[in-house]
Amino acid sequence: MTSTTERPSAAPAESTPAPAPEEPIELIAPDSLTAEMVGHWTYLMLEGAAFAMQGMHPTIKAVTDEYSIAKTDPMGRAIRSVDSVLRWTYGGEEAIAEGKRLRSLHQPLQVRDPKGKLLSALNPEAYQWVIATAFVTTAKAGPLLIGREFTGPELDELLADNIKIAKIVRVPMKGYPQTRAEFDVYYEHMVADVLTADDETKEQFRQLRTGELEQLQSKPLVVRKALQFAMGPMLRFNYLSIVGLLDPRLRDMIGAPWTEEDQKQLEKTYAWIRLAYKVLPDRLTYFPLAYHARKHHQCIAKMKERELKSAAYKVRPKQ
């Protein structure tokens, strides 16, 4: 891998075809199951499991190690990632523009692995995996998000929306699973043959579990202990939300223990969250873009209902 001061040649590392221009791109329906869940504040906590799985892909790990500012500006990176996800789902035509922007943004990101092979952020397998992980985590999170497992038709709907998002962000669709049966085969291949965890990844999860974050090590002892105490509940919630949705084989890879008590605590926490979502108004439980997009759709739907009561509908010629 090259150092941060030595950039590899701009020559393309691999074939990274974008979807053909004529391929139809369909937006996420505002009243879909996906749109109902993604905009909740806590959904993005669960998507931490998707980010974890992405970081276990060797190509993604190599590129992010070289270019990502997750360690120097973790909050800023997290906010920008959330902004992007929300635009895919609720941005309307802006979703398509965001997809094009992301692909352009990642185009120049290339590194060399220890063997000298040039790796690209737009490696088709890696770029597909980024979006596929969203379906993996959401499908498994049914008991936490809605209090029960998703039904077969609901999972089919979630996968269909996942495919829409893949097209929105211009993922190469050749080989991308189109059915749940295909996705199961694809996922097993990724877990068994592709994903891995190095010592750095294992250390990151150890720090998340213990609260001994690298970012706090430079602080004076008293300040560090105070911050660890104050951040403890959120770090614990984050750890449970991420590790709780990981495949047991991936937990073993990253050295993250998981007990029955952890599972009970995770389920209890999200039971309270689901209750809060039922009681609190949408304005408090959804990100602003998600709230306004959903309200806009609901207002239009109500207007269409009122239109049907017009006398003109009773006398107009059939169309």
Protein backbone atom coordinates (compact mmCIF):
# COMPACT_ATOMS: atom_id res chain seq x y z
CA MET A 1 0.00 0.00 0.00
CA THR A 2 1.33 3.46 -0.73
CA SER A 3 1.86 6.07 1.93
CA THR A 4 -0.34 9.13 2.22
CA THR A 5 2.31 11.17 0.40
CA GLU A 6 2.72 8.76 -2.50
CA ARG A 7 -0.31 8.58 -4.72
CA PRO A 8 -0.63 5.75 -7.24
CA SER A 9 -0.94 6.30 -10.94
CA ALA A 10 -4.28 7.52 -12.20
CA ALA A 11 -4.44 4.54 -14.53
CA PRO A 12 -7.60 2.49 -13.90
CA ALA A 13 -7.03 -0.40 -11.52
CA GLU A 14 -9.91 -2.54 -12.59
CA SER A 15 -12.94 -2.47 -14.83
CA THR A 16 -15.50 -0.37 -12.98
CA PRO A 17 -18.47 -0.10 -15.31
CA ALA A 18 -21.37 2.12 -14.33
CA PRO A 19 -24.93 1.12 -15.18
CA ALA A 20 -25.80 1.76 -18.80
CA PRO A 21 -27.32 5.23 -19.30
CA GLU A 22 -30.58 3.73 -20.55
CA GLU A 23 -31.02 1.53 -17.49
CA PRO A 24 -34.12 2.77 -15.63
CA ILE A 25 -33.59 4.26 -12.19
CA GLU A 26 -36.59 4.12 -9.90
CA LEU A 27 -36.87 6.20 -6.74
CA ILE A 28 -37.84 4.85 -3.33
CA ALA A 29 -41.58 5.23 -2.72
CA PRO A 30 -42.29 7.67 0.16
CA ASP A 31 -44.84 5.24 1.66
CA SER A 32 -42.60 2.16 1.40
CA LEU A 33 -41.36 0.07 4.31
CA THR A 34 -37.86 1.33 3.55
CA ALA A 35 -38.93 4.98 3.79
CA GLU A 36 -40.78 4.25 7.02
CA MET A 37 -37.63 2.95 8.72
CA VAL A 38 -34.56 4.62 7.23
CA GLY A 39 -35.41 8.13 8.42
CA HIS A 40 -35.64 7.22 12.11
CA TRP A 41 -32.75 8.53 14.19
CA THR A 42 -31.89 5.11 15.59
CA TYR A 43 -31.96 3.29 12.25
CA LEU A 44 -28.55 4.72 11.47
CA MET A 45 -27.23 3.13 14.68
CA LEU A 46 -28.22 -0.27 13.31
CA GLU A 47 -26.58 0.58 10.01
CA GLY A 48 -23.33 0.65 11.96
CA ALA A 49 -23.34 -3.11 11.41
CA ALA A 50 -23.36 -2.46 7.66
CA PHE A 51 -20.39 -0.12 8.00
CA ALA A 52 -18.60 -2.79 10.03
CA MET A 53 -19.14 -5.40 7.32
CA GLN A 54 -17.97 -2.98 4.66
CA GLY A 55 -14.74 -2.45 6.58
CA MET A 56 -14.10 -6.18 6.53
CA HIS A 57 -13.88 -6.23 2.73
CA PRO A 58 -10.14 -6.09 1.89
CA THR A 59 -10.48 -3.55 -0.92
CA ILE A 60 -12.75 -1.23 1.05
CA LYS A 61 -10.45 -1.50 4.06
CA ALA A 62 -7.36 -0.68 1.99
CA VAL A 63 -8.95 2.38 0.37
CA THR A 64 -10.47 3.75 3.57
CA ASP A 65 -7.21 3.27 5.46
CA GLU A 66 -5.53 5.46 2.85
CA TYR A 67 -8.14 8.17 2.37
CA SER A 68 -10.80 8.12 5.09
CA ILE A 69 -10.85 10.80 7.77
CA ALA A 70 -12.93 8.64 10.11
CA LYS A 71 -10.22 8.85 12.77
CA THR A 72 -9.52 12.57 12.49
CA ASP A 73 -13.11 13.73 11.94
CA PRO A 74 -15.40 10.84 12.95
CA MET A 75 -18.43 13.01 13.64
CA GLY A 76 -18.15 14.94 10.40
CA ARG A 77 -17.75 11.76 8.38
CA ALA A 78 -20.76 10.21 10.12
CA ILE A 79 -22.94 13.26 9.44
CA ARG A 80 -21.97 13.33 5.76
CA SER A 81 -22.68 9.60 5.43
CA VAL A 82 -26.13 10.08 6.97
CA ASP A 83 -26.78 13.01 4.63
CA SER A 84 -26.04 10.80 1.65
CA VAL A 85 -28.21 7.88 2.82
CA LEU A 86 -31.13 10.20 3.48
CA ARG A 87 -30.85 11.74 0.03
CA TRP A 88 -30.93 8.29 -1.62
CA THR A 89 -34.19 7.54 0.14
CA TYR A 90 -36.01 10.87 0.44
CA GLY A 91 -34.27 13.23 -1.96
CA GLY A 92 -36.49 12.73 -5.00
CA GLU A 93 -34.53 13.71 -8.12
CA GLU A 94 -31.72 14.81 -5.80
CA ALA A 95 -31.17 11.10 -5.07
CA ILE A 96 -30.01 10.54 -8.66
CA ALA A 97 -27.71 13.55 -8.50
CA GLU A 98 -26.26 12.24 -5.24
CA GLY A 99 -25.60 8.86 -6.82
CA LYS A 100 -23.66 10.48 -9.64
CA ARG A 101 -21.74 12.64 -7.17
CA LEU A 102 -20.71 9.65 -5.08
CA ARG A 103 -19.41 7.73 -8.06
CA SER A 104 -17.45 10.76 -9.27
CA LEU A 105 -16.12 11.33 -5.75
CA HIS A 106 -14.78 7.77 -5.48
CA GLN A 107 -13.37 7.59 -9.00
CA PRO A 108 -9.83 8.79 -8.16
CA LEU A 109 -9.47 6.80 -4.92
CA GLN A 110 -6.89 4.10 -5.59
CA VAL A 111 -4.21 2.34 -3.55
CA ARG A 112 -1.73 -0.49 -3.97
CA ASP A 113 -1.95 -3.59 -1.80
CA PRO A 114 1.20 -5.16 -0.27
CA LYS A 115 1.69 -7.17 -3.47
CA GLY A 116 1.62 -4.06 -5.62
CA LYS A 117 -1.84 -4.60 -7.07
CA LEU A 118 -3.72 -1.40 -7.75
CA LEU A 119 -7.09 -1.31 -5.97
CA SER A 120 -9.96 1.04 -6.75
CA ALA A 121 -12.77 2.36 -4.57
CA LEU A 122 -15.01 1.53 -7.53
CA ASN A 123 -14.00 -2.11 -7.64
CA PRO A 124 -17.32 -3.68 -8.73
CA GLU A 125 -17.37 -6.36 -6.01
CA ALA A 126 -16.53 -3.85 -3.28
CA TYR A 127 -18.96 -1.20 -4.53
CA GLN A 128 -21.75 -3.78 -4.66
CA TRP A 129 -20.96 -4.95 -1.14
CA VAL A 130 -21.39 -1.43 0.25
CA ILE A 131 -25.06 -1.39 -0.76
CA ALA A 132 -25.70 -5.10 -0.16
CA THR A 133 -24.76 -4.72 3.52
CA ALA A 134 -27.75 -2.40 4.00
CA PHE A 135 -30.12 -5.23 3.10
CA VAL A 136 -28.25 -7.69 5.31
CA THR A 137 -28.57 -5.55 8.42
CA THR A 138 -32.13 -4.36 7.77
CA ALA A 139 -33.39 -7.88 7.09
CA LYS A 140 -31.93 -9.09 10.37
CA ALA A 141 -33.16 -6.09 12.34
CA GLY A 142 -36.88 -6.83 12.06
CA PRO A 143 -37.31 -7.80 15.73
CA LEU A 144 -35.65 -4.53 16.75
CA LEU A 145 -37.28 -2.21 14.20
CA ILE A 146 -40.85 -3.53 14.19
CA GLY A 147 -40.90 -6.01 17.08
CA ARG A 148 -41.09 -9.16 14.93
CA GLU A 149 -39.39 -10.88 12.03
CA PHE A 150 -40.12 -9.45 8.60
CA THR A 151 -42.48 -11.56 6.50
CA GLY A 152 -41.41 -13.04 3.17
CA PRO A 153 -43.22 -10.36 1.13
CA GLU A 154 -41.72 -7.63 3.32
CA LEU A 155 -38.22 -9.01 2.74
CA ASP A 156 -38.91 -9.11 -0.99
CA GLU A 157 -39.96 -5.46 -0.83
CA LEU A 158 -36.83 -4.51 1.13
CA LEU A 159 -34.60 -6.28 -1.39
CA ALA A 160 -36.41 -4.59 -4.29
CA ASP A 161 -35.75 -1.22 -2.67
CA ASN A 162 -32.14 -2.19 -2.03
CA ILE A 163 -31.77 -2.88 -5.76
CA LYS A 164 -33.31 0.52 -6.51
CA ILE A 165 -30.74 2.18 -4.24
CA ALA A 166 -27.93 0.22 -5.90
CA LYS A 167 -29.02 1.69 -9.23
CA ILE A 168 -29.42 5.16 -7.75
CA VAL A 169 -25.79 5.16 -6.56
CA ARG A 170 -24.68 3.64 -9.87
CA VAL A 171 -23.50 0.28 -8.62
CA PRO A 172 -22.53 -2.12 -11.46
CA MET A 173 -25.52 -4.46 -11.52
CA LYS A 174 -23.90 -7.43 -13.25
CA GLY A 175 -23.99 -10.23 -10.70
CA TYR A 176 -25.96 -8.23 -8.13
CA PRO A 177 -28.51 -10.62 -6.50
CA GLN A 178 -32.06 -10.06 -7.72
CA THR A 179 -33.90 -12.54 -5.46
CA ARG A 180 -33.55 -13.56 -1.84
CA ALA A 181 -32.32 -16.99 -2.91
CA GLU A 182 -29.61 -15.37 -5.00
CA PHE A 183 -28.78 -13.02 -2.13
CA ASP A 184 -28.33 -15.93 0.29
CA VAL A 185 -25.78 -17.54 -2.05
CA TYR A 186 -24.04 -14.19 -2.57
CA TYR A 187 -23.89 -13.48 1.16
CA GLU A 188 -22.48 -16.91 2.03
CA HIS A 189 -19.73 -16.41 -0.54
CA MET A 190 -18.82 -13.01 0.90
CA VAL A 191 -18.66 -14.26 4.49
CA ALA A 192 -16.85 -17.51 3.73
CA ASP A 193 -14.47 -16.38 1.00
CA VAL A 194 -13.99 -12.61 1.02
CA LEU A 195 -14.43 -10.87 4.36
CA THR A 196 -11.61 -10.75 6.87
CA ALA A 197 -10.53 -8.83 9.97
CA ASP A 198 -7.01 -7.68 10.77
CA ASP A 199 -5.60 -6.75 14.17
CA GLU A 200 -6.53 -3.10 13.70
CA THR A 201 -10.19 -4.00 13.15
CA LYS A 202 -10.20 -6.24 16.21
CA GLU A 203 -8.67 -3.44 18.27
CA GLN A 204 -11.34 -0.98 17.12
CA PHE A 205 -14.08 -3.28 18.39
CA ARG A 206 -12.23 -3.88 21.63
CA GLN A 207 -12.08 -0.13 22.18
CA LEU A 208 -15.78 0.22 21.39
CA ARG A 209 -16.59 -2.53 23.89
CA THR A 210 -14.40 -1.17 26.70
CA GLY A 211 -14.75 2.55 26.04
CA GLU A 212 -10.98 2.93 25.72
CA LEU A 213 -11.22 4.94 22.52
CA GLU A 214 -8.02 5.91 20.75
CA GLN A 215 -9.30 9.49 20.40
CA LEU A 216 -9.34 9.82 24.21
CA GLN A 217 -5.86 8.51 24.93
CA SER A 218 -4.21 11.92 24.55
CA LYS A 219 -6.49 13.47 27.19
CA PRO A 220 -5.38 13.92 30.81
CA LEU A 221 -6.34 10.95 32.97
CA VAL A 222 -9.10 12.75 34.87
CA VAL A 223 -10.63 14.14 31.68
CA ARG A 224 -10.34 10.78 29.94
CA LYS A 225 -12.12 8.94 32.75
CA ALA A 226 -14.86 11.58 32.90
CA LEU A 227 -15.46 11.32 29.15
CA GLN A 228 -15.48 7.52 29.27
CA PHE A 229 -18.09 7.66 32.04
CA ALA A 230 -20.23 10.21 30.21
CA MET A 231 -19.99 8.39 26.87
CA GLY A 232 -20.38 4.91 28.38
CA PRO A 233 -24.14 4.44 27.78
CA MET A 234 -23.95 5.63 24.16
CA LEU A 235 -20.88 3.50 23.44
CA ARG A 236 -22.63 0.49 24.95
CA PHE A 237 -25.72 1.16 22.86
CA ASN A 238 -23.57 1.51 19.75
CA TYR A 239 -21.69 -1.72 20.48
CA LEU A 240 -24.90 -3.68 21.02
CA SER A 241 -26.52 -2.24 17.89
CA ILE A 242 -23.56 -3.14 15.70
CA VAL A 243 -22.39 -6.47 17.07
CA GLY A 244 -25.92 -7.69 17.72
CA LEU A 245 -26.68 -7.69 13.99
CA LEU A 246 -23.47 -9.33 12.86
CA ASP A 247 -23.30 -12.93 11.71
CA PRO A 248 -21.76 -15.06 14.52
CA ARG A 249 -18.94 -15.95 12.12
CA LEU A 250 -18.13 -12.26 11.71
CA ARG A 251 -18.22 -11.74 15.47
CA ASP A 252 -15.60 -14.46 15.76
CA MET A 253 -13.48 -12.77 13.08
CA ILE A 254 -13.41 -9.44 14.92
CA GLY A 255 -13.13 -11.01 18.38
CA ALA A 256 -16.39 -9.48 19.65
CA PRO A 257 -18.00 -11.61 22.36
CA TRP A 258 -21.78 -11.87 22.47
CA THR A 259 -23.77 -13.26 25.38
CA GLU A 260 -27.41 -13.97 26.16
CA GLU A 261 -27.35 -10.96 28.45
CA ASP A 262 -26.14 -8.78 25.58
CA GLN A 263 -29.02 -10.03 23.42
CA LYS A 264 -31.58 -9.37 26.15
CA GLN A 265 -30.24 -5.87 26.73
CA LEU A 266 -30.35 -5.12 23.00
CA GLU A 267 -33.95 -6.32 22.67
CA LYS A 268 -35.06 -4.44 25.79
CA THR A 269 -33.47 -1.20 24.60
CA TYR A 270 -35.19 -1.33 21.22
CA ALA A 271 -38.50 -2.28 22.82
CA TRP A 272 -38.37 1.07 24.62
CA ILE A 273 -37.38 2.81 21.39
CA ARG A 274 -40.35 1.31 19.53
CA LEU A 275 -42.64 2.48 22.31
CA ALA A 276 -41.19 5.98 22.11
CA TYR A 277 -41.79 6.04 18.36
CA LYS A 278 -45.46 5.23 18.94
CA VAL A 279 -45.87 8.01 21.48
CA LEU A 280 -43.67 10.80 20.15
CA PRO A 281 -44.63 12.86 17.08
CA ASP A 282 -42.86 12.10 13.81
CA ARG A 283 -41.15 15.49 13.93
CA LEU A 284 -39.09 14.25 16.88
CA THR A 285 -38.33 10.72 15.69
CA TYR A 286 -37.38 11.32 12.04
CA PHE A 287 -34.49 13.21 10.50
CA PRO A 288 -35.77 16.54 9.09
CA LEU A 289 -35.50 15.52 5.43
CA ALA A 290 -37.31 12.24 6.11
CA TYR A 291 -40.03 13.97 8.12
CA HIS A 292 -40.76 16.61 5.49
CA ALA A 293 -40.60 14.16 2.57
CA ARG A 294 -43.07 11.82 4.25
CA LYS A 295 -45.38 14.68 5.23
CA HIS A 296 -45.29 16.05 1.70
CA HIS A 297 -46.36 12.66 0.35
CA GLN A 298 -49.11 12.33 2.97
CA CYS A 299 -50.48 15.78 2.15
CA ILE A 300 -50.63 14.99 -1.57
CA ALA A 301 -52.35 11.66 -0.84
CA LYS A 302 -55.02 13.43 1.26
CA MET A 303 -55.61 15.97 -1.51
CA LYS A 304 -56.19 13.14 -3.98
CA GLU A 305 -58.72 11.59 -1.61
CA ARG A 306 -60.59 14.89 -1.33
CA GLU A 307 -60.61 15.28 -5.10
CA LEU A 308 -62.70 12.11 -5.44
CA LYS A 309 -65.58 13.86 -3.64
CA SER A 310 -65.84 16.51 -6.34
CA ALA A 311 -69.12 16.54 -8.26
CA ALA A 312 -67.13 16.75 -11.47
CA TYR A 313 -65.98 13.17 -10.96
CA LYS A 314 -69.58 12.02 -11.07
CA VAL A 315 -70.45 13.68 -14.35
CA ARG A 316 -67.19 13.71 -16.31
CA PRO A 317 -66.88 11.29 -19.23
CA LYS A 318 -65.21 8.01 -18.43
CA GLN A 319 -61.50 8.04 -19.27
